[in-house]
Protein backbone atom coordinates (compact mmCIF):
# COMPACT_ATOMS: atom_id res chain seq x y z
CA MET A 1 23.94 -61.42 192.02
CA SER A 2 24.57 -58.62 194.52
CA LEU A 3 27.05 -57.32 197.06
CA GLN A 4 26.85 -58.93 200.49
CA ALA A 5 26.12 -56.76 203.52
CA SER A 6 29.07 -58.26 205.38
CA PRO A 7 31.87 -57.38 205.43
CA GLY A 8 30.71 -53.78 205.22
CA VAL A 9 32.36 -50.40 204.73
CA ILE A 10 35.18 -49.75 207.23
CA PHE A 11 34.61 -46.67 209.40
CA THR A 12 37.29 -47.29 212.08
CA PRO A 13 39.85 -46.53 213.27
CA SER A 14 39.61 -42.75 213.05
CA ALA A 15 41.74 -40.03 214.61
CA THR A 16 42.09 -39.85 218.43
CA LYS A 17 42.79 -36.77 220.55
CA VAL A 18 46.07 -38.16 221.92
CA PRO A 19 48.77 -40.47 220.47
CA THR A 20 48.39 -44.16 221.30
CA PRO A 21 51.10 -46.68 222.26
CA ALA A 22 50.70 -48.25 218.82
CA ASN A 23 52.33 -45.17 217.29
CA TYR A 24 55.67 -45.69 219.10
CA LEU A 25 58.17 -48.40 219.90
CA GLY A 26 57.97 -49.73 223.45
CA SER A 27 59.90 -52.26 225.53
CA GLY A 28 57.41 -54.96 224.58
CA ASP A 29 58.40 -54.57 220.93
CA PHE A 30 61.90 -55.99 221.59
CA ASP A 31 62.53 -59.66 222.33
CA PHE A 32 66.26 -60.30 222.81
CA LEU A 33 65.63 -64.04 223.18
CA ASN A 34 64.79 -64.05 219.49
CA GLN A 35 67.73 -62.92 217.40
CA TYR A 36 65.73 -62.77 214.18
CA MET A 37 64.08 -59.64 212.83
CA PRO A 38 60.51 -60.06 211.56
CA GLU A 39 59.64 -58.98 208.04
CA THR A 40 57.73 -55.71 208.38
CA TYR A 41 56.09 -53.19 206.13
CA ASN A 42 57.24 -49.90 207.58
CA GLN A 43 55.07 -47.71 205.37
CA ILE A 44 51.42 -46.92 206.00
CA HIS A 45 49.17 -48.11 203.20
CA ASP A 46 46.60 -45.49 202.10
CA ARG A 47 43.69 -47.93 202.03
CA PHE A 48 41.10 -45.12 201.95
CA GLY A 49 42.81 -43.18 199.17
CA SER A 50 43.79 -39.56 199.70
CA GLN A 51 40.69 -38.82 201.88
CA ASP A 52 40.72 -35.20 200.72
CA VAL A 53 37.56 -33.59 199.33
CA THR A 54 39.03 -30.40 197.88
CA GLY A 55 38.05 -29.89 194.25
CA MET A 56 37.55 -27.65 191.30
CA LEU A 57 37.37 -24.23 193.00
CA GLU A 58 40.93 -24.57 194.26
CA MET A 59 42.29 -26.00 191.00
CA MET A 60 40.71 -23.35 188.79
CA GLY A 61 41.81 -20.49 191.04
CA LYS A 62 38.37 -18.88 191.40
CA GLU A 63 39.35 -17.13 194.64
CA ILE A 64 39.06 -13.37 195.28
CA PRO A 65 40.00 -11.29 198.38
CA TYR A 66 37.54 -9.17 200.40
CA ALA A 67 38.03 -6.73 203.26
CA SER A 68 34.69 -6.26 205.10
CA ASP A 69 32.54 -8.18 207.55
CA VAL A 70 29.71 -8.31 205.01
CA ILE A 71 29.83 -9.05 201.29
CA LYS A 72 26.94 -7.37 199.44
CA TRP A 73 26.03 -7.40 195.78
CA THR A 74 23.08 -6.83 193.49
CA GLU A 75 21.82 -8.82 190.53
CA GLU A 76 19.62 -7.68 187.66
CA GLY A 77 15.87 -8.18 187.54
CA ARG A 78 13.69 -9.21 184.61
CA LEU A 79 13.09 -6.61 181.89
CA THR A 80 9.37 -7.37 181.63
CA GLN A 81 6.69 -8.54 184.00
CA LEU A 82 4.81 -11.80 183.66
CA GLY A 83 1.38 -11.39 185.22
CA THR A 84 -0.14 -14.55 186.70
CA ALA A 85 -3.47 -15.28 188.43
CA VAL A 86 -4.95 -12.25 186.67
CA ALA A 87 -8.71 -11.73 186.95
CA ARG A 88 -10.89 -10.21 184.20
CA THR A 89 -14.24 -8.43 184.15
CA ALA A 90 -15.20 -7.48 180.60
CA ASN A 91 -12.20 -5.44 179.33
CA VAL A 92 -10.79 -4.69 182.79
CA PHE A 93 -7.98 -6.88 184.16
CA THR A 94 -6.97 -6.92 187.84
CA LEU A 95 -3.34 -7.48 188.92
CA VAL A 96 -2.08 -5.80 192.10
CA ALA A 97 0.90 -3.43 191.58
CA HIS A 98 1.28 -4.34 187.91
CA THR A 99 3.75 -2.55 185.61
CA PHE A 100 1.73 -2.53 182.39
CA ARG A 101 1.37 0.79 180.54
CA VAL A 102 -1.02 2.42 178.10
CA ASN A 103 -0.45 1.46 174.43
CA GLU A 104 1.45 -1.71 175.30
CA THR A 105 0.26 -4.74 173.36
CA ILE A 106 -0.33 -7.82 175.49
CA ILE A 107 -0.55 -11.60 175.11
CA VAL A 108 -3.29 -13.20 177.22
CA ARG A 109 -3.77 -16.95 177.74
CA ASP A 110 -5.82 -19.18 179.99
CA VAL A 111 -4.11 -21.24 182.69
CA LEU A 112 -3.88 -24.33 180.43
CA GLY A 113 -2.60 -22.44 177.40
CA ALA A 114 -5.53 -23.69 175.29
CA VAL A 115 -6.77 -20.21 174.35
CA VAL A 116 -4.60 -17.20 173.46
CA ARG A 117 -5.73 -13.66 172.65
CA GLN A 118 -3.86 -10.43 171.92
CA GLY A 119 -4.85 -6.87 172.64
CA LEU A 120 -3.77 -3.33 173.53
CA ILE A 121 -3.96 -1.46 176.84
CA THR A 122 -6.00 1.75 176.78
CA ALA A 123 -6.09 2.73 180.47
CA VAL A 124 -4.34 1.82 183.73
CA THR A 125 -4.71 2.26 187.49
CA ASP A 126 -2.37 0.97 190.19
CA ASP A 127 -4.04 -2.45 190.32
CA THR A 128 -6.05 -2.67 187.06
CA PHE A 129 -5.65 -2.08 183.36
CA THR A 130 -8.19 -1.88 180.55
CA ALA A 131 -7.39 -3.59 177.27
CA LEU A 132 -9.19 -3.93 173.96
CA CYS A 133 -9.04 -7.33 172.29
CA GLY A 134 -7.65 -7.58 168.75
CA ASP A 135 -9.71 -10.69 167.98
CA VAL A 136 -13.27 -10.50 166.65
CA ALA A 137 -14.34 -13.06 169.26
CA GLY A 138 -13.13 -10.82 172.11
CA TRP A 139 -11.76 -11.91 175.49
CA THR A 140 -14.58 -14.30 176.40
CA ALA A 141 -12.87 -17.56 175.48
CA VAL A 142 -9.83 -16.95 177.73
CA GLY A 143 -12.02 -16.90 180.81
CA THR A 144 -12.20 -14.58 183.78
CA ALA A 145 -9.69 -16.00 186.27
CA ASP A 146 -6.14 -17.38 186.53
CA LEU A 147 -5.05 -15.63 183.34
CA VAL A 148 -1.39 -15.29 182.36
CA ILE A 149 -0.40 -12.02 180.66
CA PHE A 150 2.76 -10.37 179.36
CA ALA A 151 3.49 -7.29 177.25
CA ASP A 152 5.25 -8.10 173.98
CA SER A 153 5.52 -4.61 172.42
CA ASN A 154 3.55 -1.38 171.98
CA GLU A 155 1.67 0.44 169.23
CA PHE A 156 0.63 4.07 168.62
CA LYS A 157 -1.62 5.84 166.15
CA LYS A 158 -0.41 8.74 164.00
CA LYS A 159 0.05 12.16 165.61
CA THR A 160 -0.24 10.90 169.19
CA ASP A 161 1.86 11.46 172.27
CA GLY A 162 4.41 8.83 173.29
CA MET A 163 4.66 6.77 176.48
CA GLN A 164 3.32 8.57 179.55
CA GLN A 165 5.13 6.35 182.09
CA SER A 166 8.68 5.02 182.32
CA LEU A 167 9.77 1.88 184.10
CA ASN A 168 12.35 1.84 186.88
CA SER A 169 14.78 -1.07 186.74
CA GLN A 170 14.72 -3.37 189.75
CA VAL A 171 17.59 -5.35 191.23
CA GLU A 172 17.81 -8.03 193.89
CA PHE A 173 20.14 -7.63 196.85
CA PHE A 174 22.26 -10.45 198.25
CA ASN A 175 24.43 -10.68 201.39
CA GLN A 176 27.11 -13.09 202.46
CA GLN A 177 29.59 -13.13 205.32
CA GLY A 178 32.83 -14.96 205.85
CA VAL A 179 33.35 -17.65 208.45
CA ILE A 180 36.45 -18.44 210.50
CA VAL A 181 37.70 -22.03 210.40
CA LYS A 182 40.55 -23.25 212.64
CA GLU A 183 42.59 -26.40 213.30
CA LEU A 184 45.42 -27.43 215.66
CA VAL A 185 48.20 -30.01 215.76
CA GLU A 186 50.15 -30.46 219.01
CA GLU A 187 53.02 -32.70 220.07
CA SER A 188 55.14 -32.86 223.21
CA GLY A 189 58.82 -32.08 222.98
CA THR A 190 59.65 -35.63 224.05
CA ASN A 191 57.55 -37.23 221.34
CA LEU A 192 59.16 -35.00 218.73
CA THR A 193 62.32 -37.02 219.32
CA GLN A 194 60.56 -40.34 219.89
CA MET A 195 61.23 -42.83 217.11
CA THR A 196 58.28 -44.60 215.56
CA TRP A 197 58.56 -47.93 213.78
CA LEU A 198 56.65 -46.55 210.79
CA GLU A 199 58.22 -44.54 207.99
CA ILE A 200 56.14 -41.37 207.73
CA LYS A 201 55.80 -38.97 204.83
CA ASP A 202 55.74 -35.30 205.81
CA SER A 203 53.61 -32.64 204.10
CA LYS A 204 56.51 -31.64 201.84
CA GLY A 205 57.11 -35.11 200.43
CA GLY A 206 60.02 -36.03 202.71
CA THR A 207 60.14 -39.07 204.98
CA GLY A 208 61.16 -39.79 208.55
CA TYR A 209 60.43 -41.95 211.59
CA VAL A 210 58.67 -39.29 213.73
CA TRP A 211 54.92 -39.68 214.28
CA TYR A 212 54.53 -35.89 214.35
CA PHE A 213 55.02 -35.93 210.57
CA LYS A 214 51.93 -38.11 210.21
CA ASN A 215 49.86 -35.99 212.60
CA TYR A 216 50.88 -32.76 210.89
CA LYS A 217 50.13 -34.05 207.40
CA ASP A 218 46.72 -35.40 208.41
CA THR A 219 45.86 -32.23 210.36
CA GLU A 220 46.67 -30.08 207.34
CA LYS A 221 44.48 -32.29 205.15
CA ARG A 222 41.70 -32.27 207.77
CA PHE A 223 41.88 -28.46 207.86
CA LYS A 224 41.56 -28.18 204.07
CA ASN A 225 38.61 -30.59 204.14
CA ALA A 226 36.94 -28.52 206.86
CA ILE A 227 37.31 -25.39 204.71
CA GLU A 228 35.84 -27.07 201.63
CA THR A 229 32.99 -28.63 203.60
CA LYS A 230 32.06 -25.30 205.20
CA MET A 231 31.91 -23.69 201.76
CA ILE A 232 29.63 -26.49 200.59
CA ARG A 233 27.49 -27.36 203.62
CA GLY A 234 27.51 -24.02 205.47
CA LYS A 235 24.29 -22.32 206.61
CA ASN A 236 23.35 -18.93 207.98
CA TRP A 237 22.59 -19.81 211.57
CA GLY A 238 19.37 -19.15 213.43
CA GLY A 239 17.93 -20.30 216.74
CA ASP A 240 20.26 -20.97 219.67
CA LEU A 241 23.44 -20.68 217.58
CA ALA A 242 22.50 -17.21 216.36
CA ALA A 243 21.59 -16.19 219.90
CA ALA A 244 25.03 -17.39 221.04
CA GLY A 245 26.72 -15.04 218.57
CA TYR A 246 27.50 -17.39 215.68
CA GLN A 247 26.56 -16.20 212.19
CA GLY A 248 27.50 -19.09 209.93
CA THR A 249 27.85 -18.66 206.18
CA GLN A 250 25.69 -19.77 203.27
CA GLY A 251 27.23 -22.76 201.54
CA MET A 252 26.78 -24.15 198.06
CA PHE A 253 23.94 -26.57 198.86
CA ASP A 254 21.89 -23.92 200.66
CA ALA A 255 22.39 -21.37 197.85
CA PHE A 256 21.65 -23.90 195.10
CA ALA A 257 18.44 -24.91 196.88
CA GLU A 258 17.22 -21.35 196.19
CA GLY A 259 17.88 -21.89 192.48
CA ASN A 260 16.50 -25.09 190.96
CA GLN A 261 16.05 -28.61 192.31
CA PHE A 262 15.69 -31.93 190.50
CA ALA A 263 14.12 -34.81 192.44
CA GLY A 264 16.16 -38.01 192.24
CA GLN A 265 18.97 -38.87 189.83
CA MET A 266 19.02 -37.63 186.23
CA THR A 267 19.05 -40.88 184.25
CA THR A 268 17.34 -40.29 180.89
CA LEU A 269 17.50 -37.84 178.01
CA GLY A 270 14.00 -36.83 179.04
CA ASP A 271 15.38 -35.74 182.40
CA PHE A 272 17.97 -33.56 180.71
CA ASP A 273 15.35 -32.18 178.30
CA GLU A 274 13.33 -31.14 181.35
CA VAL A 275 16.42 -29.48 182.80
CA ILE A 276 17.11 -27.71 179.50
CA GLU A 277 13.57 -26.32 179.46
CA LYS A 278 14.20 -24.87 182.92
CA LEU A 279 17.58 -23.45 181.85
CA ASN A 280 15.87 -21.82 178.87
CA ALA A 281 13.57 -20.04 181.30
CA GLN A 282 16.50 -18.89 183.44
CA GLY A 283 19.76 -17.45 182.15
CA MET A 284 20.19 -19.68 179.06
CA LEU A 285 23.86 -20.27 179.98
CA SER A 286 25.02 -22.97 177.62
CA SER A 287 28.07 -24.44 179.43
CA ASN A 288 27.41 -26.24 182.70
CA TYR A 289 29.39 -28.38 185.14
CA ILE A 290 27.85 -31.40 186.85
CA TYR A 291 29.63 -32.70 189.95
CA GLY A 292 28.02 -35.98 190.98
CA THR A 293 28.27 -39.21 192.87
CA SER A 294 29.67 -42.28 191.15
CA SER A 295 26.14 -43.58 190.89
CA GLN A 296 24.88 -40.42 189.16
CA ASN A 297 27.80 -40.41 186.73
CA LEU A 298 27.27 -44.08 185.90
CA ALA A 299 23.63 -43.29 185.18
CA ILE A 300 24.74 -40.60 182.71
CA ASP A 301 27.25 -43.02 181.17
CA ASP A 302 24.49 -45.59 180.70
CA MET A 303 22.21 -42.93 179.21
CA LEU A 304 24.84 -41.94 176.67
CA ARG A 305 26.01 -45.47 175.89
CA ASP A 306 23.62 -45.98 172.98
CA GLN A 307 23.42 -42.33 172.00
CA ASN A 308 25.49 -40.69 169.29
CA GLN A 309 26.58 -37.78 171.45
CA GLY A 310 29.43 -35.49 170.47
CA SER A 311 31.95 -34.42 173.07
CA ALA A 312 31.34 -31.15 174.86
CA GLY A 313 33.37 -28.16 173.75
CA TRP A 314 36.28 -27.20 175.95
CA GLY A 315 35.17 -23.56 176.27
CA MET A 316 34.03 -24.14 179.85
CA PHE A 317 37.62 -25.17 180.66
CA ASN A 318 39.26 -22.06 179.15
CA ASN A 319 39.47 -23.99 175.85
CA SER A 320 41.88 -26.42 177.49
CA ALA A 321 41.18 -30.10 176.85
CA GLN A 322 43.98 -30.92 179.28
CA MET A 323 42.25 -29.02 182.11
CA ALA A 324 39.09 -31.04 181.49
CA LEU A 325 41.13 -34.23 181.67
CA ASP A 326 42.95 -33.08 184.81
CA LEU A 327 39.59 -32.44 186.49
CA GLY A 328 38.23 -35.80 185.39
CA PHE A 329 35.45 -34.41 183.20
CA SER A 330 33.55 -36.10 180.41
CA GLY A 331 31.01 -34.18 178.39
CA PHE A 332 28.12 -34.23 175.97
CA LYS A 333 25.97 -31.75 174.07
CA ARG A 334 22.19 -31.64 174.11
CA GLY A 335 19.80 -28.99 172.79
CA GLY A 336 22.55 -26.40 172.37
CA TYR A 337 23.84 -26.94 175.92
CA ASP A 338 27.23 -28.39 176.89
CA PHE A 339 27.23 -30.58 179.99
CA GLY A 340 30.54 -31.57 181.54
CA TYR A 341 30.25 -34.15 184.30
CA SER A 342 32.71 -35.53 186.81
CA ARG A 343 32.73 -37.65 189.94
CA TRP A 344 32.90 -35.64 193.17
CA ARG A 345 34.70 -37.43 195.99
CA PHE A 346 32.92 -35.23 198.54
CA LEU A 347 29.52 -36.76 197.72
CA ASP A 348 30.83 -40.33 197.93
CA ASN A 349 32.83 -40.05 201.18
CA PRO A 350 31.19 -42.73 203.41
CA THR A 351 32.08 -40.98 206.69
CA THR A 352 30.47 -37.66 205.69
CA GLU A 353 28.18 -36.77 202.77
CA GLY A 354 28.17 -40.31 201.41
CA SER A 355 26.34 -41.47 204.54
CA MET A 356 23.23 -39.44 203.63
CA ILE A 357 20.18 -41.32 202.34
CA GLY A 358 16.58 -40.65 201.37
CA ALA A 359 15.12 -37.24 200.64
CA ASN A 360 18.27 -35.42 201.78
CA LYS A 361 20.69 -37.41 199.63
CA ILE A 362 22.59 -35.10 197.25
CA HIS A 363 23.31 -36.91 193.96
CA ALA A 364 24.91 -33.99 192.12
CA VAL A 365 25.15 -30.24 191.73
CA MET A 366 25.09 -28.33 188.46
CA PHE A 367 26.31 -24.80 187.88
CA PRO A 368 27.34 -22.68 184.87
CA SER A 369 30.95 -22.03 183.96
CA GLY A 370 30.53 -18.39 183.00
CA SER A 371 30.91 -15.05 184.75
CA LYS A 372 28.29 -12.50 185.75
CA ALA A 373 28.28 -8.70 185.93
CA VAL A 374 27.29 -7.53 189.43
CA TYR A 375 27.32 -4.29 191.39
CA ASP A 376 29.51 -4.44 194.50
CA GLU A 377 27.60 -2.57 197.24
CA ILE A 378 30.68 -2.19 199.43
CA LYS A 379 33.08 -0.87 196.79
CA GLY A 380 30.37 1.00 194.91
CA GLU A 381 31.44 -0.29 191.50
CA SER A 382 30.47 -2.85 188.89
CA ALA A 383 32.56 -5.95 188.36
CA THR A 384 32.51 -9.17 186.38
CA GLN A 385 33.02 -12.18 188.66
CA PRO A 386 32.96 -15.97 188.20
CA MET A 387 29.46 -17.20 189.01
CA LEU A 388 30.84 -19.50 191.70
CA HIS A 389 33.91 -18.33 193.58
CA VAL A 390 35.52 -18.19 197.03
CA ARG A 391 36.21 -14.90 198.79
CA TYR A 392 38.99 -14.86 201.39
CA ARG A 393 39.66 -12.02 203.83
CA ALA A 394 42.71 -9.91 202.99
CA LYS A 395 43.78 -6.27 203.22
CA GLY A 396 47.28 -4.92 202.71
CA SER A 397 49.83 -7.21 204.33
CA GLU A 398 47.16 -9.14 206.28
CA ASN A 399 45.98 -12.19 204.34
CA ARG A 400 43.71 -14.69 206.09
CA LYS A 401 43.32 -17.09 203.18
CA TYR A 402 45.52 -19.68 204.88
CA LYS A 403 47.51 -18.71 207.98
CA MET A 404 49.66 -20.75 210.35
CA SER A 405 51.08 -19.90 213.75
CA VAL A 406 53.83 -21.99 215.39
CA ARG A 407 54.27 -21.99 219.18
CA ASP A 408 57.11 -24.01 220.62
CA PHE A 409 59.30 -24.22 223.73
CA SER A 410 62.61 -23.49 222.00
CA SER A 411 61.44 -20.15 220.63
CA GLY A 412 59.82 -19.10 223.90
CA THR A 413 56.31 -18.84 222.45
CA SER A 414 54.65 -21.71 224.33
CA ASN A 415 54.44 -20.03 227.79
CA GLY A 416 56.95 -22.54 229.12
CA ASN A 417 54.99 -25.58 227.96
CA ASP A 418 57.27 -28.29 226.60
CA SER A 419 55.39 -28.75 223.35
CA LEU A 420 55.07 -27.72 219.74
CA LYS A 421 51.71 -26.36 218.60
CA VAL A 422 50.76 -25.33 215.09
CA ASP A 423 47.52 -23.38 214.66
CA PHE A 424 45.75 -23.09 211.31
CA ILE A 425 43.17 -20.39 210.51
CA THR A 426 41.26 -19.10 207.52
CA GLU A 427 38.41 -16.63 206.98
CA ARG A 428 36.44 -17.01 203.79
CA ALA A 429 33.04 -17.33 202.13
CA LEU A 430 31.53 -18.85 199.00
CA VAL A 431 29.71 -16.44 196.69
CA THR A 432 27.08 -17.81 194.30
CA LEU A 433 26.10 -15.34 191.59
CA GLY A 434 23.01 -16.02 189.52
CA ARG A 435 21.80 -18.89 191.68
CA ASN A 436 18.74 -19.11 189.42
CA ASN A 437 21.10 -20.86 186.96
CA THR A 438 22.20 -23.53 189.46
CA MET A 439 20.62 -26.89 190.20
CA LEU A 440 20.63 -29.31 193.13
CA ILE A 441 19.99 -32.96 192.18
CA LYS A 442 18.61 -34.39 195.38
CA GLY A 443 16.40 -37.05 196.93
């Protein structure tokens, strides 16, 4: 048994640029030869649900102002170097621009991990280091190429000098810039007084029989969706767009693609064990959110159905079970990690992201719930920020998080045009800290 291809998903009607006669009462709607009134439903049925895609970032309030064209920050580097593809000739190892030092003890293995030896470094140059093996059999068994090496500690003999070289900490620099998003709703002065046969809800919960209420409410929702989508799907532009003066902004998908990627849906405990191994090699952040399609969440449900999994702790939701419920999250624990997962309407929307198929289909995103200490290059100070948060432009009395401008004939702000126009504008960016801890489930 399966779903039939017809009838399919409804994609029409969608918004038009001008009102249509169907929105208003006309002379053809009245028949005085018939004295009876037809039974009508004068309310619009929301057959596609709310159609909004705004989500957790707005609900959890992870939004912070900024006041410059560019957002810059630094993130810590690794404390120790892992040398790969190292070559060996006798006791001399070659690794360009290595950071190993005399008297450090090292672990050396072959590329398959079948043979492991330990030793101590006795001399270094910029691209080589000499090490004596601590095993009677010497270095021979590990081979001469594709070796993997790391320093685990150091050791000195009695009455000897200490370290002759210090290490300089390294950081990685990141940039992000805000993007301006706009929207407009316009109605003629005449149509503002034109009665519609449909009862319309306005954006404040009231009702009336003016089609402008419907247009305004939908425009406001469309604007919020455009903001959320830009934060998720945005890219730093190149090519013709960059040449034309557009910068773009790096969205969630693009940033997460620089972190970790999982091919296809995660459907088995083995898949999650593989993910946990990768998380162990990254920041080891134990509480993680998964925002997925209905299909991905059902796969997790099926995976857990026969498993005796305890519920995830509520620490990732500020220890609030109610917040987890409000956000629609379920959870489970595996290998010391808490995974909270929820359906994300954005990924299922059939007129946008839900229409994607194949290798570019996004099944889910995963990111940690914690915060990260970073150095703000603009302010010149350290700060602890949520690992995923929105920055909106604001300084003093000017706040561009969500601005509206009303131009209408009665107030003299429409240049004599008999209309009402409401402009919406925002300027903001998504900042992803520690993207090495994020994951894109795709393809």
